[in-house]
Amino acid sequence: MKRWKKEEEEEEEEEEEEEEEEEEEEEEEEEEEEEARHTSHQLLLQGNYQPAPRDTHLGLKIQGWADSWKRRQLTEKTEDV
């Protein structure tokens, strides 16, 4: 009976420690996110903000669309002149 109670108490302590570790990790992640937000905001204010594409394939697609849009704008300008 005493052994069972000790084991139960040890399990509870382990669970509490795990919960504390998880909370600490979550707090660290939140701090890192806040720092990243602050940094990107500062870069935005300085005019140097260039968000990194999350997906390189998507980033390449977007860059391609931007290039084709620029080409279209240039051809329209030359046709108007």
C-alpha atoms as a PDB file:
ATOM      1  CA  MET A   1       0.000   0.000   0.000  1.00  0.00           C
ATOM      2  CA  LYS A   2       2.774   2.444   0.891  1.00  0.00           C
ATOM      3  CA  ARG A   3       4.698   1.427  -2.183  1.00  0.00           C
ATOM      4  CA  TRP A   4       1.655   2.142  -4.344  1.00  0.00           C
ATOM      5  CA  LYS A   5       1.265   5.612  -2.823  1.00  0.00           C
ATOM      6  CA  LYS A   6       4.952   6.370  -3.364  1.00  0.00           C
ATOM      7  CA  GLU A   7       4.736   5.291  -6.979  1.00  0.00           C
ATOM      8  CA  GLU A   8       1.630   7.401  -7.473  1.00  0.00           C
ATOM      9  CA  GLU A   9       3.339  10.431  -5.918  1.00  0.00           C
ATOM     10  CA  GLU A  10       6.404   9.920  -8.101  1.00  0.00           C
ATOM     11  CA  GLU A  11       4.227   9.734 -11.203  1.00  0.00           C
ATOM     12  CA  GLU A  12       2.441  12.939 -10.206  1.00  0.00           C
ATOM     13  CA  GLU A  13       5.777  14.681  -9.651  1.00  0.00           C
ATOM     14  CA  GLU A  14       7.023  13.522 -13.038  1.00  0.00           C
ATOM     15  CA  GLU A  15       3.844  14.782 -14.700  1.00  0.00           C
ATOM     16  CA  GLU A  16       4.195  18.142 -12.957  1.00  0.00           C
ATOM     17  CA  GLU A  17       7.821  18.427 -14.086  1.00  0.00           C
ATOM     18  CA  GLU A  18       6.831  17.587 -17.656  1.00  0.00           C
ATOM     19  CA  GLU A  19       4.076  20.214 -17.558  1.00  0.00           C
ATOM     20  CA  GLU A  20       6.531  22.797 -16.225  1.00  0.00           C
ATOM     21  CA  GLU A  21       9.010  21.957 -18.971  1.00  0.00           C
ATOM     22  CA  GLU A  22       6.280  22.281 -21.607  1.00  0.00           C
ATOM     23  CA  GLU A  23       5.227  25.640 -20.190  1.00  0.00           C
ATOM     24  CA  GLU A  24       8.836  26.847 -20.227  1.00  0.00           C
ATOM     25  CA  GLU A  25       9.233  25.729 -23.848  1.00  0.00           C
ATOM     26  CA  GLU A  26       6.002  27.517 -24.813  1.00  0.00           C
ATOM     27  CA  GLU A  27       7.190  30.684 -23.081  1.00  0.00           C
ATOM     28  CA  GLU A  28      10.528  30.496 -24.908  1.00  0.00           C
ATOM     29  CA  GLU A  29       8.749  30.038 -28.245  1.00  0.00           C
ATOM     30  CA  GLU A  30       6.489  33.006 -27.511  1.00  0.00           C
ATOM     31  CA  GLU A  31       9.521  35.136 -26.627  1.00  0.00           C
ATOM     32  CA  GLU A  32      11.263  34.107 -29.859  1.00  0.00           C
ATOM     33  CA  GLU A  33       8.145  34.921 -31.886  1.00  0.00           C
ATOM     34  CA  GLU A  34       7.825  38.301 -30.184  1.00  0.00           C
ATOM     35  CA  GLU A  35      11.483  39.040 -30.871  1.00  0.00           C
ATOM     36  CA  ALA A  36      11.061  38.029 -34.521  1.00  0.00           C
ATOM     37  CA  ARG A  37       7.991  40.258 -34.815  1.00  0.00           C
ATOM     38  CA  HIS A  38       9.905  43.148 -33.293  1.00  0.00           C
ATOM     39  CA  THR A  39      12.849  42.607 -35.636  1.00  0.00           C
ATOM     40  CA  SER A  40      10.666  42.395 -38.735  1.00  0.00           C
ATOM     41  CA  HIS A  41       8.787  45.512 -37.612  1.00  0.00           C
ATOM     42  CA  GLN A  42      12.065  47.408 -37.203  1.00  0.00           C
ATOM     43  CA  LEU A  43      13.190  46.270 -40.658  1.00  0.00           C
ATOM     44  CA  LEU A  44       9.843  47.328 -42.073  1.00  0.00           C
ATOM     45  CA  LEU A  45      10.251  50.788 -40.581  1.00  0.00           C
ATOM     46  CA  GLN A  46      13.741  51.003 -42.075  1.00  0.00           C
ATOM     47  CA  GLY A  47      12.484  49.878 -45.467  1.00  0.00           C
ATOM     48  CA  ASN A  48      14.631  46.734 -45.470  1.00  0.00           C
ATOM     49  CA  TYR A  49      11.938  44.159 -44.786  1.00  0.00           C
ATOM     50  CA  GLN A  50      11.857  41.265 -47.196  1.00  0.00           C
ATOM     51  CA  PRO A  51       9.841  38.368 -45.860  1.00  0.00           C
ATOM     52  CA  ALA A  52      11.372  34.999 -46.577  1.00  0.00           C
ATOM     53  CA  PRO A  53       9.156  32.782 -48.697  1.00  0.00           C
ATOM     54  CA  ARG A  54       7.785  29.967 -46.594  1.00  0.00           C
ATOM     55  CA  ASP A  55       7.692  27.624 -49.526  1.00  0.00           C
ATOM     56  CA  THR A  56      10.450  28.044 -52.087  1.00  0.00           C
ATOM     57  CA  HIS A  57       8.260  26.682 -54.890  1.00  0.00           C
ATOM     58  CA  LEU A  58       5.541  29.167 -54.024  1.00  0.00           C
ATOM     59  CA  GLY A  59       8.144  31.897 -53.686  1.00  0.00           C
ATOM     60  CA  LEU A  60       9.413  31.117 -57.182  1.00  0.00           C
ATOM     61  CA  LYS A  61       5.867  31.179 -58.549  1.00  0.00           C
ATOM     62  CA  ILE A  62       5.224  34.563 -56.987  1.00  0.00           C
ATOM     63  CA  GLN A  63       8.527  35.888 -58.321  1.00  0.00           C
ATOM     64  CA  GLY A  64       7.582  34.606 -61.782  1.00  0.00           C
ATOM     65  CA  TRP A  65       4.221  36.350 -61.604  1.00  0.00           C
ATOM     66  CA  ALA A  66       5.913  39.564 -60.539  1.00  0.00           C
ATOM     67  CA  ASP A  67       8.406  39.329 -63.412  1.00  0.00           C
ATOM     68  CA  SER A  68       5.690  38.689 -65.980  1.00  0.00           C
ATOM     69  CA  TRP A  69       3.658  41.598 -64.574  1.00  0.00           C
ATOM     70  CA  LYS A  70       6.687  43.886 -64.891  1.00  0.00           C
ATOM     71  CA  ARG A  71       7.271  42.716 -68.471  1.00  0.00           C
ATOM     72  CA  ARG A  72       3.628  43.414 -69.304  1.00  0.00           C
ATOM     73  CA  GLN A  73       3.877  46.880 -67.814  1.00  0.00           C
ATOM     74  CA  LEU A  74       7.008  47.619 -69.842  1.00  0.00           C
ATOM     75  CA  THR A  75       5.491  46.361 -73.101  1.00  0.00           C
ATOM     76  CA  GLU A  76       2.360  48.435 -72.517  1.00  0.00           C
ATOM     77  CA  LYS A  77       4.503  51.530 -71.947  1.00  0.00           C
ATOM     78  CA  THR A  78       6.490  50.956 -75.120  1.00  0.00           C
ATOM     79  CA  GLU A  79       3.308  50.406 -77.131  1.00  0.00           C
ATOM     80  CA  ASP A  80       1.850  53.653 -75.821  1.00  0.00           C
ATOM     81  CA  VAL A  81       4.923  55.630 -76.863  1.00  0.00           C
END
